Every structure is written in structure tokens, then in C-alpha cells.
Amino acid sequence: MKKTKSKFKDYMLLHILLLIFSFCSVFSKLAASNPFLSFKFCLFYGISIIILGIYALLWQQILKKFTLTTAFLNKSITIIWGIVWGALFFNETIKIQMIIGALIVLIGVSLVVMADE
């Protein structure tokens, strides 16, 4: 029971990290919508770099708890987060092609990871 709780906690930490990582694309898109080297461009781009730095450090810690294939398989969830953030923050329409594309990528990554195991 204790091991199951610990694994659940590890997976929760992994997905919180991936959620944080997914915000990098939001801040990158915000930076791109401002003039190059303007204050807002630098601010949003800087936040994006900070998120990547935090992610890089914590990703190394996550890899101590999971195999690379397991962590990589879970990382594909950021595609879904990207679609959600696009709709929430940028009023993008979620189209059936986007959902189909995300499913193809998720299935493809799953197949590659399963083939390696």
C-alpha cells in the first residue's frame, strides 16, 4: 500500500512538472506577440527561460524515480495542455484536426515507448 502511495505521489509530481513546463509555450507565444526586445518581449521571454531552467533541474530529479521511457511517455501530455492553453489564453478554436493530431502523437509515442520496453 505504501509503495502504491509513493508511486502515485511520484506521478503527481511528474505531471505537476509537465504542467509547469507546458506554460513555457504560453509565455513564448506572448513574447512573440510583442515587438522584438521590447519590455514585454523580454519579460515574457525571460519567464519562459526561467520555466525551462526550473524544468531542466526538476526533470533530472524525476528521472531518478522513473525510467526515461516512462517519463518521456508522460511528457506527451504537454500536447494536450498546449491545446487547452491555446483555447483559454489565446481564444483559439479547438478543431477536430487538432484532437486527431494530438491522439496520433500520443498513440505514436506510446507505440515507440512500448517497443523499447
N, C-alpha and C. Protein backbone atom coordinates (compact mmCIF):
# COMPACT_ATOMS: atom_id res chain seq x y z
N MET A 1 0.83 -1.20 0.00
CA MET A 1 0.00 0.00 0.00
C MET A 1 0.87 1.26 0.00
N LYS A 2 1.93 1.22 0.84
CA LYS A 2 2.79 2.40 0.94
C LYS A 2 3.52 2.66 -0.38
N LYS A 3 3.94 1.59 -1.06
CA LYS A 3 4.63 1.75 -2.34
C LYS A 3 3.68 2.34 -3.39
N THR A 4 2.42 1.93 -3.38
CA THR A 4 1.43 2.47 -4.31
C THR A 4 1.22 3.95 -4.07
N LYS A 5 1.15 4.34 -2.79
CA LYS A 5 1.00 5.75 -2.45
C LYS A 5 2.21 6.55 -2.92
N SER A 6 3.39 6.00 -2.74
CA SER A 6 4.61 6.67 -3.15
C SER A 6 4.66 6.83 -4.67
N LYS A 7 4.26 5.80 -5.41
CA LYS A 7 4.26 5.88 -6.87
C LYS A 7 3.23 6.91 -7.35
N PHE A 8 2.06 6.93 -6.70
CA PHE A 8 1.04 7.92 -7.04
C PHE A 8 1.58 9.33 -6.83
N LYS A 9 2.27 9.54 -5.71
CA LYS A 9 2.87 10.84 -5.42
C LYS A 9 3.92 11.20 -6.48
N ASP A 10 4.72 10.23 -6.88
CA ASP A 10 5.73 10.47 -7.92
C ASP A 10 5.08 10.87 -9.24
N TYR A 11 4.01 10.18 -9.61
CA TYR A 11 3.31 10.52 -10.85
C TYR A 11 2.66 11.90 -10.75
N MET A 12 2.14 12.24 -9.60
CA MET A 12 1.56 13.57 -9.41
C MET A 12 2.64 14.65 -9.57
N LEU A 13 3.80 14.42 -8.99
CA LEU A 13 4.91 15.38 -9.12
C LEU A 13 5.35 15.49 -10.59
N LEU A 14 5.40 14.36 -11.27
CA LEU A 14 5.77 14.37 -12.69
C LEU A 14 4.78 15.22 -13.49
N HIS A 15 3.50 15.03 -13.25
CA HIS A 15 2.51 15.76 -14.03
C HIS A 15 2.41 17.23 -13.62
N ILE A 16 2.69 17.55 -12.39
CA ILE A 16 2.78 18.97 -11.99
C ILE A 16 3.95 19.62 -12.72
N LEU A 17 5.07 18.92 -12.79
CA LEU A 17 6.23 19.44 -13.53
C LEU A 17 5.89 19.64 -15.00
N LEU A 18 5.20 18.69 -15.60
CA LEU A 18 4.84 18.81 -17.01
C LEU A 18 3.83 19.94 -17.23
N LEU A 19 2.96 20.15 -16.27
CA LEU A 19 2.02 21.28 -16.34
C LEU A 19 2.79 22.60 -16.33
N ILE A 20 3.76 22.71 -15.43
CA ILE A 20 4.60 23.91 -15.37
C ILE A 20 5.35 24.09 -16.69
N PHE A 21 5.93 23.01 -17.20
CA PHE A 21 6.66 23.05 -18.47
C PHE A 21 5.77 23.53 -19.62
N SER A 22 4.50 23.13 -19.60
CA SER A 22 3.59 23.49 -20.69
C SER A 22 3.35 25.00 -20.76
N PHE A 23 3.56 25.70 -19.66
CA PHE A 23 3.39 27.16 -19.67
C PHE A 23 4.50 27.87 -20.44
N CYS A 24 5.59 27.17 -20.71
CA CYS A 24 6.67 27.76 -21.49
C CYS A 24 6.15 28.20 -22.86
N SER A 25 5.30 27.38 -23.47
CA SER A 25 4.76 27.73 -24.78
C SER A 25 3.84 28.95 -24.70
N VAL A 26 3.13 29.10 -23.59
CA VAL A 26 2.25 30.27 -23.41
C VAL A 26 3.09 31.54 -23.39
N PHE A 27 4.14 31.54 -22.58
CA PHE A 27 4.97 32.74 -22.47
C PHE A 27 5.78 33.00 -23.73
N SER A 28 6.15 31.94 -24.43
CA SER A 28 6.84 32.12 -25.72
C SER A 28 5.92 32.79 -26.73
N LYS A 29 4.67 32.36 -26.75
CA LYS A 29 3.72 32.96 -27.69
C LYS A 29 3.41 34.40 -27.30
N LEU A 30 3.33 34.68 -26.00
CA LEU A 30 3.13 36.06 -25.55
C LEU A 30 4.32 36.94 -25.95
N ALA A 31 5.52 36.39 -25.82
CA ALA A 31 6.72 37.14 -26.21
C ALA A 31 6.69 37.43 -27.71
N ALA A 32 6.30 36.44 -28.49
CA ALA A 32 6.28 36.60 -29.95
C ALA A 32 5.25 37.62 -30.41
N SER A 33 4.26 37.90 -29.57
CA SER A 33 3.22 38.86 -29.97
C SER A 33 3.61 40.31 -29.66
N ASN A 34 4.82 40.50 -29.17
CA ASN A 34 5.31 41.85 -28.84
C ASN A 34 6.53 42.17 -29.70
N PRO A 35 6.78 43.46 -29.91
CA PRO A 35 7.96 43.85 -30.70
C PRO A 35 9.25 43.31 -30.10
N PHE A 36 10.15 42.89 -30.98
CA PHE A 36 11.43 42.31 -30.57
C PHE A 36 12.18 43.26 -29.65
N LEU A 37 12.65 42.73 -28.53
CA LEU A 37 13.42 43.42 -27.49
C LEU A 37 12.64 44.52 -26.76
N SER A 38 11.33 44.56 -26.92
CA SER A 38 10.52 45.48 -26.11
C SER A 38 10.49 44.94 -24.68
N PHE A 39 10.02 45.74 -23.73
CA PHE A 39 9.96 45.30 -22.34
C PHE A 39 9.13 44.02 -22.20
N LYS A 40 7.94 44.00 -22.81
CA LYS A 40 7.07 42.82 -22.70
C LYS A 40 7.70 41.60 -23.36
N PHE A 41 8.36 41.80 -24.50
CA PHE A 41 9.03 40.69 -25.16
C PHE A 41 10.07 40.08 -24.22
N CYS A 42 10.91 40.94 -23.66
CA CYS A 42 11.97 40.47 -22.75
C CYS A 42 11.40 39.83 -21.49
N LEU A 43 10.33 40.40 -20.96
CA LEU A 43 9.69 39.86 -19.76
C LEU A 43 9.15 38.45 -20.03
N PHE A 44 8.34 38.31 -21.07
CA PHE A 44 7.74 37.02 -21.36
C PHE A 44 8.78 35.98 -21.77
N TYR A 45 9.75 36.41 -22.55
CA TYR A 45 10.82 35.50 -22.96
C TYR A 45 11.66 35.08 -21.75
N GLY A 46 11.90 36.03 -20.85
CA GLY A 46 12.65 35.73 -19.62
C GLY A 46 11.90 34.73 -18.75
N ILE A 47 10.59 34.91 -18.61
CA ILE A 47 9.79 33.96 -17.83
C ILE A 47 9.86 32.57 -18.47
N SER A 48 9.81 32.53 -19.78
CA SER A 48 9.90 31.26 -20.50
C SER A 48 11.24 30.57 -20.21
N ILE A 49 12.31 31.33 -20.20
CA ILE A 49 13.64 30.76 -19.92
C ILE A 49 13.72 30.28 -18.47
N ILE A 50 13.13 31.03 -17.55
CA ILE A 50 13.11 30.62 -16.14
C ILE A 50 12.34 29.30 -15.99
N ILE A 51 11.20 29.19 -16.66
CA ILE A 51 10.42 27.95 -16.61
C ILE A 51 11.25 26.78 -17.14
N LEU A 52 11.97 27.01 -18.24
CA LEU A 52 12.81 25.95 -18.80
C LEU A 52 13.93 25.56 -17.84
N GLY A 53 14.49 26.53 -17.14
CA GLY A 53 15.54 26.24 -16.17
C GLY A 53 15.01 25.40 -15.01
N ILE A 54 13.87 25.80 -14.48
CA ILE A 54 13.24 25.04 -13.39
C ILE A 54 12.91 23.63 -13.87
N TYR A 55 12.35 23.56 -15.06
CA TYR A 55 12.00 22.26 -15.63
C TYR A 55 13.24 21.37 -15.77
N ALA A 56 14.32 21.92 -16.30
CA ALA A 56 15.54 21.13 -16.51
C ALA A 56 16.06 20.55 -15.19
N LEU A 57 16.05 21.37 -14.16
CA LEU A 57 16.53 20.89 -12.85
C LEU A 57 15.61 19.82 -12.26
N LEU A 58 14.32 20.07 -12.31
CA LEU A 58 13.38 19.11 -11.72
C LEU A 58 13.24 17.84 -12.55
N TRP A 59 13.41 17.96 -13.88
CA TRP A 59 13.35 16.79 -14.76
C TRP A 59 14.42 15.77 -14.35
N GLN A 60 15.61 16.28 -14.00
CA GLN A 60 16.68 15.39 -13.56
C GLN A 60 16.29 14.63 -12.30
N GLN A 61 15.56 15.30 -11.41
CA GLN A 61 15.11 14.65 -10.19
C GLN A 61 14.02 13.61 -10.50
N ILE A 62 13.15 13.93 -11.43
CA ILE A 62 12.09 12.99 -11.82
C ILE A 62 12.70 11.72 -12.41
N LEU A 63 13.77 11.88 -13.18
CA LEU A 63 14.38 10.71 -13.81
C LEU A 63 15.01 9.76 -12.80
N LYS A 64 15.18 10.21 -11.57
CA LYS A 64 15.65 9.32 -10.51
C LYS A 64 14.53 8.38 -10.07
N LYS A 65 13.29 8.76 -10.32
CA LYS A 65 12.14 7.98 -9.86
C LYS A 65 11.50 7.14 -10.97
N PHE A 66 11.76 7.51 -12.23
CA PHE A 66 11.15 6.82 -13.37
C PHE A 66 12.21 6.47 -14.39
N THR A 67 11.89 5.49 -15.21
CA THR A 67 12.75 5.22 -16.35
C THR A 67 12.53 6.35 -17.37
N LEU A 68 13.48 6.53 -18.24
CA LEU A 68 13.36 7.57 -19.26
C LEU A 68 12.16 7.33 -20.16
N THR A 69 11.89 6.08 -20.49
CA THR A 69 10.76 5.80 -21.37
C THR A 69 9.43 6.14 -20.71
N THR A 70 9.30 5.85 -19.43
CA THR A 70 8.07 6.19 -18.71
C THR A 70 7.90 7.70 -18.62
N ALA A 71 8.96 8.39 -18.27
CA ALA A 71 8.89 9.86 -18.16
C ALA A 71 8.58 10.48 -19.52
N PHE A 72 9.22 9.97 -20.56
CA PHE A 72 9.01 10.51 -21.91
C PHE A 72 7.58 10.28 -22.37
N LEU A 73 7.04 9.10 -22.08
CA LEU A 73 5.66 8.80 -22.45
C LEU A 73 4.70 9.79 -21.79
N ASN A 74 4.92 10.08 -20.52
CA ASN A 74 4.06 11.02 -19.81
C ASN A 74 4.24 12.44 -20.31
N LYS A 75 5.43 12.76 -20.82
CA LYS A 75 5.70 14.11 -21.31
C LYS A 75 4.82 14.47 -22.50
N SER A 76 4.34 13.47 -23.21
CA SER A 76 3.50 13.75 -24.37
C SER A 76 2.18 14.42 -23.99
N ILE A 77 1.81 14.41 -22.72
CA ILE A 77 0.59 15.08 -22.27
C ILE A 77 0.66 16.59 -22.48
N THR A 78 1.86 17.12 -22.64
CA THR A 78 2.00 18.57 -22.85
C THR A 78 1.34 19.01 -24.16
N ILE A 79 1.15 18.08 -25.09
CA ILE A 79 0.43 18.41 -26.32
C ILE A 79 -1.01 18.80 -25.99
N ILE A 80 -1.61 18.03 -25.11
CA ILE A 80 -2.99 18.33 -24.68
C ILE A 80 -3.03 19.66 -23.96
N TRP A 81 -2.07 19.89 -23.06
CA TRP A 81 -2.03 21.17 -22.35
C TRP A 81 -1.88 22.33 -23.33
N GLY A 82 -1.08 22.15 -24.37
CA GLY A 82 -0.91 23.21 -25.37
C GLY A 82 -2.22 23.58 -26.04
N ILE A 83 -3.02 22.58 -26.34
CA ILE A 83 -4.33 22.84 -26.95
C ILE A 83 -5.24 23.57 -25.97
N VAL A 84 -5.23 23.13 -24.72
CA VAL A 84 -6.06 23.78 -23.69
C VAL A 84 -5.62 25.22 -23.48
N TRP A 85 -4.31 25.47 -23.35
CA TRP A 85 -3.82 26.84 -23.13
C TRP A 85 -4.13 27.73 -24.33
N GLY A 86 -4.03 27.19 -25.53
CA GLY A 86 -4.38 27.98 -26.72
C GLY A 86 -5.83 28.45 -26.68
N ALA A 87 -6.72 27.56 -26.25
CA ALA A 87 -8.14 27.92 -26.17
C ALA A 87 -8.39 28.90 -25.03
N LEU A 88 -7.77 28.67 -23.87
CA LEU A 88 -8.02 29.52 -22.71
C LEU A 88 -7.39 30.91 -22.81
N PHE A 89 -6.13 30.96 -23.24
CA PHE A 89 -5.39 32.22 -23.19
C PHE A 89 -5.40 33.00 -24.51
N PHE A 90 -5.59 32.29 -25.62
CA PHE A 90 -5.48 32.95 -26.92
C PHE A 90 -6.75 32.84 -27.76
N ASN A 91 -7.81 32.38 -27.14
CA ASN A 91 -9.12 32.24 -27.80
C ASN A 91 -9.03 31.43 -29.10
N GLU A 92 -8.15 30.46 -29.13
CA GLU A 92 -8.04 29.60 -30.30
C GLU A 92 -9.17 28.58 -30.27
N THR A 93 -9.65 28.23 -31.42
CA THR A 93 -10.71 27.24 -31.53
C THR A 93 -10.10 25.85 -31.54
N ILE A 94 -10.64 24.98 -30.71
CA ILE A 94 -10.19 23.59 -30.73
C ILE A 94 -10.93 22.89 -31.87
N LYS A 95 -10.14 22.43 -32.83
CA LYS A 95 -10.71 21.79 -34.01
C LYS A 95 -10.51 20.28 -33.92
N ILE A 96 -11.35 19.57 -34.61
CA ILE A 96 -11.26 18.11 -34.61
C ILE A 96 -9.90 17.64 -35.12
N GLN A 97 -9.32 18.39 -36.08
CA GLN A 97 -8.00 18.03 -36.61
C GLN A 97 -6.93 18.10 -35.51
N MET A 98 -7.08 19.07 -34.62
CA MET A 98 -6.12 19.20 -33.51
C MET A 98 -6.22 18.00 -32.57
N ILE A 99 -7.44 17.60 -32.28
CA ILE A 99 -7.65 16.46 -31.38
C ILE A 99 -7.13 15.18 -32.03
N ILE A 100 -7.43 15.01 -33.30
CA ILE A 100 -6.94 13.82 -34.02
C ILE A 100 -5.42 13.82 -34.06
N GLY A 101 -4.82 14.98 -34.35
CA GLY A 101 -3.37 15.09 -34.38
C GLY A 101 -2.74 14.77 -33.03
N ALA A 102 -3.34 15.29 -31.96
CA ALA A 102 -2.83 15.01 -30.61
C ALA A 102 -2.93 13.52 -30.30
N LEU A 103 -4.04 12.91 -30.67
CA LEU A 103 -4.21 11.46 -30.43
C LEU A 103 -3.18 10.65 -31.22
N ILE A 104 -2.93 11.06 -32.46
CA ILE A 104 -1.92 10.35 -33.27
C ILE A 104 -0.55 10.44 -32.61
N VAL A 105 -0.20 11.62 -32.12
CA VAL A 105 1.10 11.78 -31.45
C VAL A 105 1.15 10.94 -30.18
N LEU A 106 0.09 11.00 -29.36
CA LEU A 106 0.06 10.22 -28.12
C LEU A 106 0.17 8.71 -28.39
N ILE A 107 -0.57 8.25 -29.39
CA ILE A 107 -0.51 6.82 -29.74
C ILE A 107 0.87 6.48 -30.29
N GLY A 108 1.42 7.35 -31.14
CA GLY A 108 2.75 7.11 -31.69
C GLY A 108 3.82 7.03 -30.63
N VAL A 109 3.79 7.97 -29.70
CA VAL A 109 4.79 7.94 -28.61
C VAL A 109 4.60 6.68 -27.77
N SER A 110 3.36 6.31 -27.51
CA SER A 110 3.09 5.09 -26.73
C SER A 110 3.64 3.87 -27.43
N LEU A 111 3.45 3.78 -28.74
CA LEU A 111 3.95 2.63 -29.51
C LEU A 111 5.48 2.57 -29.48
N VAL A 112 6.12 3.72 -29.62
CA VAL A 112 7.58 3.74 -29.60
C VAL A 112 8.11 3.34 -28.23
N VAL A 113 7.49 3.85 -27.19
CA VAL A 113 7.93 3.53 -25.83
C VAL A 113 7.70 2.04 -25.53
N MET A 114 6.55 1.53 -25.92
CA MET A 114 6.27 0.10 -25.68
C MET A 114 7.22 -0.79 -26.47
N ALA A 115 7.63 -0.36 -27.65
CA ALA A 115 8.56 -1.16 -28.45
C ALA A 115 9.94 -1.22 -27.78
N ASP A 116 10.31 -0.14 -27.07
CA ASP A 116 11.60 -0.11 -26.38
C ASP A 116 11.62 -0.98 -25.12
N GLU A 117 10.43 -1.19 -24.56
CA GLU A 117 10.37 -1.99 -23.33
C GLU A 117 10.24 -3.41 -23.72
